[in-house]
Amino acid sequence: MGNIEIEGMEFYAYHGHFAQEQVVGNKFLVNISLETDCSRAAISDDLSDALDYQKVYLLIKDEMETKSFLLEHICNRILDRLFLEFSTIEKATIKVSKINPPMGGQIKKVSVSMTRCAK
């Protein structure tokens, strides 16, 4: 078993509970950790034996372009698609952070993390 992490993905997106957030947008950071069997790729050095993390990034980018009210919903949608499209994932943990959220005070970021295991 191995662990693939893609960290610090930055997106400008239009997620948020308030109407203004869905018009003005905000900066988001996404981190993902994926547990998968890396043994074949470690021996073969062939991308076809590996979990293609460029495809994972593009899937996350696509989901970040779909508006949501809540960070929890974004996390859930991304996890749903990851397990649907990549059968080799055993466990995934995602963290989505909104930078400078409009909460009435000085807040660097707010984050939601979710973990899911294969069924």
N, C-alpha and C. Protein backbone atom coordinates (compact mmCIF):
# COMPACT_ATOMS: atom_id res chain seq x y z
N MET A 1 0.86 -1.18 0.00
CA MET A 1 0.00 0.00 0.00
C MET A 1 0.90 1.23 0.00
N GLY A 2 0.43 2.26 -0.66
CA GLY A 2 1.17 3.52 -0.70
C GLY A 2 0.23 4.69 -0.47
N ASN A 3 0.81 5.84 -0.29
CA ASN A 3 0.04 7.05 -0.05
C ASN A 3 0.51 8.13 -1.03
N ILE A 4 -0.42 8.64 -1.81
CA ILE A 4 -0.14 9.73 -2.76
C ILE A 4 -0.79 10.98 -2.20
N GLU A 5 -0.03 12.06 -2.09
CA GLU A 5 -0.57 13.32 -1.60
C GLU A 5 -0.37 14.39 -2.65
N ILE A 6 -1.43 15.13 -2.91
CA ILE A 6 -1.36 16.31 -3.78
C ILE A 6 -1.72 17.47 -2.87
N GLU A 7 -0.76 18.36 -2.66
CA GLU A 7 -0.93 19.41 -1.66
C GLU A 7 -0.87 20.80 -2.28
N GLY A 8 -1.65 21.69 -1.71
CA GLY A 8 -1.57 23.10 -2.10
C GLY A 8 -2.17 23.44 -3.45
N MET A 9 -3.17 22.66 -3.88
CA MET A 9 -3.86 23.02 -5.12
C MET A 9 -4.65 24.30 -4.88
N GLU A 10 -4.46 25.29 -5.72
CA GLU A 10 -5.14 26.58 -5.56
C GLU A 10 -6.18 26.76 -6.66
N PHE A 11 -7.34 27.22 -6.24
CA PHE A 11 -8.43 27.48 -7.18
C PHE A 11 -9.12 28.78 -6.81
N TYR A 12 -9.56 29.51 -7.80
CA TYR A 12 -10.45 30.63 -7.57
C TYR A 12 -11.82 30.13 -7.97
N ALA A 13 -12.75 30.14 -7.00
CA ALA A 13 -14.06 29.54 -7.25
C ALA A 13 -15.16 30.37 -6.58
N TYR A 14 -16.38 29.95 -6.80
CA TYR A 14 -17.56 30.73 -6.40
C TYR A 14 -18.44 29.94 -5.44
N HIS A 15 -17.83 29.43 -4.38
CA HIS A 15 -18.55 28.67 -3.36
C HIS A 15 -18.84 29.57 -2.17
N GLY A 16 -19.98 29.35 -1.55
CA GLY A 16 -20.28 30.07 -0.32
C GLY A 16 -21.76 30.18 -0.06
N HIS A 17 -22.09 30.37 1.19
CA HIS A 17 -23.49 30.49 1.62
C HIS A 17 -24.09 31.83 1.20
N PHE A 18 -23.29 32.88 1.23
CA PHE A 18 -23.80 34.20 0.93
C PHE A 18 -23.81 34.46 -0.57
N ALA A 19 -24.84 35.16 -1.05
CA ALA A 19 -24.98 35.42 -2.48
C ALA A 19 -23.75 36.12 -3.05
N GLN A 20 -23.18 37.04 -2.29
CA GLN A 20 -22.00 37.78 -2.74
C GLN A 20 -20.83 36.83 -3.05
N GLU A 21 -20.68 35.80 -2.23
CA GLU A 21 -19.59 34.85 -2.44
C GLU A 21 -19.73 34.13 -3.77
N GLN A 22 -20.96 33.89 -4.18
CA GLN A 22 -21.19 33.16 -5.42
C GLN A 22 -21.05 34.06 -6.64
N VAL A 23 -20.92 35.36 -6.41
CA VAL A 23 -20.70 36.33 -7.50
C VAL A 23 -19.24 36.77 -7.54
N VAL A 24 -18.70 37.15 -6.39
CA VAL A 24 -17.34 37.69 -6.31
C VAL A 24 -16.30 36.57 -6.33
N GLY A 25 -16.60 35.45 -5.69
CA GLY A 25 -15.66 34.34 -5.62
C GLY A 25 -14.63 34.51 -4.53
N ASN A 26 -13.77 33.51 -4.43
CA ASN A 26 -12.76 33.50 -3.38
C ASN A 26 -11.67 32.50 -3.76
N LYS A 27 -10.56 32.57 -3.05
CA LYS A 27 -9.47 31.64 -3.25
C LYS A 27 -9.66 30.43 -2.33
N PHE A 28 -9.42 29.24 -2.88
CA PHE A 28 -9.55 27.99 -2.14
C PHE A 28 -8.28 27.18 -2.28
N LEU A 29 -7.94 26.45 -1.23
CA LEU A 29 -6.82 25.51 -1.26
C LEU A 29 -7.37 24.11 -1.04
N VAL A 30 -6.83 23.15 -1.78
CA VAL A 30 -7.27 21.76 -1.65
C VAL A 30 -6.04 20.87 -1.47
N ASN A 31 -6.13 19.97 -0.49
CA ASN A 31 -5.13 18.93 -0.27
C ASN A 31 -5.84 17.59 -0.31
N ILE A 32 -5.18 16.60 -0.93
CA ILE A 32 -5.78 15.27 -1.02
C ILE A 32 -4.71 14.24 -0.68
N SER A 33 -5.13 13.22 0.06
CA SER A 33 -4.27 12.08 0.38
C SER A 33 -5.00 10.82 -0.06
N LEU A 34 -4.33 9.99 -0.86
CA LEU A 34 -4.95 8.80 -1.43
C LEU A 34 -4.14 7.56 -1.09
N GLU A 35 -4.78 6.59 -0.46
CA GLU A 35 -4.12 5.31 -0.21
C GLU A 35 -4.48 4.37 -1.35
N THR A 36 -3.45 3.78 -1.95
CA THR A 36 -3.63 2.89 -3.09
C THR A 36 -2.46 1.91 -3.15
N ASP A 37 -2.63 0.84 -3.88
CA ASP A 37 -1.55 -0.13 -4.06
C ASP A 37 -0.57 0.42 -5.09
N CYS A 38 0.63 0.71 -4.65
CA CYS A 38 1.67 1.27 -5.52
C CYS A 38 2.70 0.22 -5.95
N SER A 39 2.51 -1.03 -5.56
CA SER A 39 3.55 -2.05 -5.76
C SER A 39 3.86 -2.30 -7.24
N ARG A 40 2.85 -2.40 -8.09
CA ARG A 40 3.11 -2.64 -9.52
C ARG A 40 3.85 -1.48 -10.16
N ALA A 41 3.40 -0.26 -9.87
CA ALA A 41 4.06 0.93 -10.44
C ALA A 41 5.49 1.06 -9.93
N ALA A 42 5.72 0.68 -8.68
CA ALA A 42 7.06 0.78 -8.11
C ALA A 42 8.05 -0.12 -8.84
N ILE A 43 7.56 -1.25 -9.33
CA ILE A 43 8.42 -2.19 -10.05
C ILE A 43 8.50 -1.86 -11.53
N SER A 44 7.35 -1.56 -12.15
CA SER A 44 7.31 -1.39 -13.61
C SER A 44 7.78 -0.02 -14.08
N ASP A 45 7.65 1.01 -13.23
CA ASP A 45 7.95 2.38 -13.63
C ASP A 45 7.10 2.81 -14.82
N ASP A 46 5.85 2.31 -14.85
CA ASP A 46 4.93 2.55 -15.96
C ASP A 46 3.66 3.22 -15.43
N LEU A 47 3.31 4.34 -16.02
CA LEU A 47 2.15 5.11 -15.57
C LEU A 47 0.85 4.29 -15.63
N SER A 48 0.76 3.37 -16.57
CA SER A 48 -0.47 2.57 -16.69
C SER A 48 -0.67 1.67 -15.46
N ASP A 49 0.38 1.45 -14.66
CA ASP A 49 0.27 0.66 -13.44
C ASP A 49 0.06 1.52 -12.20
N ALA A 50 -0.05 2.81 -12.39
CA ALA A 50 -0.13 3.74 -11.26
C ALA A 50 -1.47 4.46 -11.23
N LEU A 51 -1.76 5.06 -10.09
CA LEU A 51 -2.88 5.99 -9.99
C LEU A 51 -2.38 7.31 -10.58
N ASP A 52 -2.98 7.72 -11.67
CA ASP A 52 -2.52 8.92 -12.40
C ASP A 52 -2.97 10.17 -11.66
N TYR A 53 -2.06 10.80 -10.93
CA TYR A 53 -2.46 11.94 -10.12
C TYR A 53 -2.71 13.20 -10.93
N GLN A 54 -2.30 13.24 -12.18
CA GLN A 54 -2.72 14.36 -13.04
C GLN A 54 -4.22 14.26 -13.31
N LYS A 55 -4.71 13.04 -13.52
CA LYS A 55 -6.16 12.84 -13.71
C LYS A 55 -6.92 13.17 -12.43
N VAL A 56 -6.33 12.85 -11.29
CA VAL A 56 -6.95 13.21 -10.00
C VAL A 56 -7.06 14.73 -9.90
N TYR A 57 -5.98 15.43 -10.22
CA TYR A 57 -6.00 16.90 -10.17
C TYR A 57 -7.09 17.46 -11.09
N LEU A 58 -7.18 16.95 -12.31
CA LEU A 58 -8.17 17.46 -13.26
C LEU A 58 -9.60 17.20 -12.78
N LEU A 59 -9.82 16.07 -12.13
CA LEU A 59 -11.14 15.77 -11.55
C LEU A 59 -11.47 16.79 -10.46
N ILE A 60 -10.51 17.07 -9.58
CA ILE A 60 -10.72 18.05 -8.51
C ILE A 60 -10.96 19.43 -9.10
N LYS A 61 -10.19 19.80 -10.09
CA LYS A 61 -10.37 21.11 -10.75
C LYS A 61 -11.78 21.22 -11.32
N ASP A 62 -12.25 20.17 -11.96
CA ASP A 62 -13.60 20.16 -12.52
C ASP A 62 -14.66 20.35 -11.43
N GLU A 63 -14.52 19.66 -10.32
CA GLU A 63 -15.48 19.80 -9.23
C GLU A 63 -15.42 21.17 -8.58
N MET A 64 -14.24 21.77 -8.52
CA MET A 64 -14.12 23.10 -7.94
C MET A 64 -14.81 24.16 -8.80
N GLU A 65 -15.06 23.86 -10.05
CA GLU A 65 -15.74 24.80 -10.95
C GLU A 65 -17.25 24.75 -10.81
N THR A 66 -17.77 23.78 -10.06
CA THR A 66 -19.21 23.66 -9.82
C THR A 66 -19.54 24.32 -8.48
N LYS A 67 -20.41 25.32 -8.51
CA LYS A 67 -20.74 26.07 -7.29
C LYS A 67 -21.41 25.21 -6.24
N SER A 68 -21.02 25.47 -4.99
CA SER A 68 -21.64 24.84 -3.82
C SER A 68 -21.79 25.89 -2.73
N PHE A 69 -22.73 25.67 -1.83
CA PHE A 69 -22.90 26.56 -0.69
C PHE A 69 -21.92 26.22 0.44
N LEU A 70 -21.60 24.92 0.60
CA LEU A 70 -20.83 24.48 1.75
C LEU A 70 -19.56 23.73 1.34
N LEU A 71 -18.51 23.91 2.13
CA LEU A 71 -17.27 23.17 1.92
C LEU A 71 -17.50 21.66 2.06
N GLU A 72 -18.38 21.28 2.97
CA GLU A 72 -18.71 19.86 3.16
C GLU A 72 -19.23 19.24 1.87
N HIS A 73 -20.05 19.99 1.15
CA HIS A 73 -20.62 19.50 -0.10
C HIS A 73 -19.54 19.32 -1.16
N ILE A 74 -18.61 20.27 -1.22
CA ILE A 74 -17.50 20.16 -2.17
C ILE A 74 -16.68 18.90 -1.87
N CYS A 75 -16.32 18.71 -0.62
CA CYS A 75 -15.55 17.52 -0.22
C CYS A 75 -16.27 16.24 -0.62
N ASN A 76 -17.56 16.18 -0.33
CA ASN A 76 -18.34 14.98 -0.62
C ASN A 76 -18.40 14.70 -2.12
N ARG A 77 -18.62 15.75 -2.92
CA ARG A 77 -18.68 15.57 -4.38
C ARG A 77 -17.36 15.04 -4.92
N ILE A 78 -16.26 15.60 -4.43
CA ILE A 78 -14.94 15.17 -4.91
C ILE A 78 -14.70 13.71 -4.51
N LEU A 79 -15.00 13.35 -3.28
CA LEU A 79 -14.82 11.97 -2.85
C LEU A 79 -15.69 11.01 -3.67
N ASP A 80 -16.94 11.39 -3.91
CA ASP A 80 -17.82 10.56 -4.75
C ASP A 80 -17.19 10.26 -6.10
N ARG A 81 -16.70 11.29 -6.76
CA ARG A 81 -16.11 11.11 -8.09
C ARG A 81 -14.82 10.33 -8.05
N LEU A 82 -13.98 10.57 -7.04
CA LEU A 82 -12.73 9.82 -6.94
C LEU A 82 -12.98 8.33 -6.85
N PHE A 83 -13.90 7.92 -5.98
CA PHE A 83 -14.18 6.50 -5.82
C PHE A 83 -14.92 5.92 -7.02
N LEU A 84 -15.66 6.73 -7.73
CA LEU A 84 -16.35 6.28 -8.94
C LEU A 84 -15.36 6.06 -10.08
N GLU A 85 -14.38 6.93 -10.21
CA GLU A 85 -13.49 6.90 -11.38
C GLU A 85 -12.17 6.17 -11.16
N PHE A 86 -11.78 5.92 -9.92
CA PHE A 86 -10.50 5.26 -9.65
C PHE A 86 -10.72 4.08 -8.71
N SER A 87 -10.84 2.91 -9.26
CA SER A 87 -11.16 1.71 -8.47
C SER A 87 -10.03 1.27 -7.56
N THR A 88 -8.82 1.77 -7.76
CA THR A 88 -7.68 1.34 -6.94
C THR A 88 -7.53 2.13 -5.65
N ILE A 89 -8.32 3.17 -5.47
CA ILE A 89 -8.23 3.96 -4.23
C ILE A 89 -8.87 3.17 -3.09
N GLU A 90 -8.11 2.97 -2.01
CA GLU A 90 -8.60 2.28 -0.83
C GLU A 90 -9.15 3.26 0.21
N LYS A 91 -8.50 4.42 0.30
CA LYS A 91 -8.91 5.43 1.29
C LYS A 91 -8.50 6.79 0.76
N ALA A 92 -9.35 7.78 0.99
CA ALA A 92 -9.05 9.15 0.55
C ALA A 92 -9.41 10.12 1.66
N THR A 93 -8.54 11.10 1.85
CA THR A 93 -8.80 12.20 2.78
C THR A 93 -8.62 13.50 2.01
N ILE A 94 -9.63 14.34 2.06
CA ILE A 94 -9.57 15.62 1.36
C ILE A 94 -9.77 16.75 2.36
N LYS A 95 -9.06 17.84 2.11
CA LYS A 95 -9.21 19.05 2.92
C LYS A 95 -9.40 20.22 1.96
N VAL A 96 -10.51 20.94 2.12
CA VAL A 96 -10.80 22.12 1.32
C VAL A 96 -10.82 23.32 2.25
N SER A 97 -10.04 24.34 1.90
CA SER A 97 -9.94 25.55 2.72
C SER A 97 -10.37 26.77 1.93
N LYS A 98 -11.14 27.63 2.57
CA LYS A 98 -11.51 28.92 1.99
C LYS A 98 -10.64 29.98 2.64
N ILE A 99 -9.93 30.74 1.82
CA ILE A 99 -9.02 31.77 2.31
C ILE A 99 -9.81 33.05 2.60
N ASN A 100 -9.51 33.69 3.72
CA ASN A 100 -10.17 34.94 4.13
C ASN A 100 -11.69 34.86 4.02
N PRO A 101 -12.32 33.94 4.73
CA PRO A 101 -13.78 33.81 4.64
C PRO A 101 -14.49 35.03 5.22
N PRO A 102 -15.61 35.43 4.61
CA PRO A 102 -16.34 36.62 5.09
C PRO A 102 -17.18 36.28 6.33
N MET A 103 -16.52 36.25 7.48
CA MET A 103 -17.20 35.86 8.72
C MET A 103 -17.24 36.98 9.74
N GLY A 104 -16.93 38.20 9.32
CA GLY A 104 -17.04 39.34 10.22
C GLY A 104 -15.82 39.60 11.07
N GLY A 105 -14.72 38.97 10.73
CA GLY A 105 -13.49 39.18 11.49
C GLY A 105 -12.29 38.76 10.67
N GLN A 106 -11.12 38.96 11.24
CA GLN A 106 -9.87 38.59 10.57
C GLN A 106 -9.64 37.09 10.76
N ILE A 107 -9.87 36.33 9.69
CA ILE A 107 -9.69 34.88 9.73
C ILE A 107 -8.88 34.48 8.50
N LYS A 108 -7.76 33.81 8.73
CA LYS A 108 -6.89 33.41 7.63
C LYS A 108 -7.59 32.43 6.69
N LYS A 109 -8.20 31.39 7.27
CA LYS A 109 -8.91 30.42 6.44
C LYS A 109 -9.81 29.57 7.32
N VAL A 110 -10.77 28.94 6.66
CA VAL A 110 -11.63 27.95 7.30
C VAL A 110 -11.54 26.69 6.44
N SER A 111 -11.48 25.53 7.09
CA SER A 111 -11.26 24.29 6.35
C SER A 111 -12.23 23.21 6.79
N VAL A 112 -12.52 22.30 5.86
CA VAL A 112 -13.27 21.09 6.15
C VAL A 112 -12.47 19.92 5.60
N SER A 113 -12.31 18.88 6.42
CA SER A 113 -11.65 17.66 6.00
C SER A 113 -12.63 16.50 6.10
N MET A 114 -12.56 15.60 5.14
CA MET A 114 -13.39 14.40 5.15
C MET A 114 -12.53 13.22 4.69
N THR A 115 -12.82 12.05 5.27
CA THR A 115 -12.12 10.82 4.91
C THR A 115 -13.17 9.77 4.53
N ARG A 116 -12.83 8.99 3.51
CA ARG A 116 -13.71 7.91 3.09
C ARG A 116 -12.86 6.71 2.71
N CYS A 117 -13.37 5.53 3.03
CA CYS A 117 -12.70 4.28 2.65
C CYS A 117 -13.53 3.58 1.58
N ALA A 118 -12.86 2.77 0.78
CA ALA A 118 -13.55 2.00 -0.26
C ALA A 118 -14.52 1.04 0.40
N LYS A 119 -15.58 0.75 -0.29
CA LYS A 119 -16.61 -0.14 0.26
C LYS A 119 -16.28 -1.58 0.01
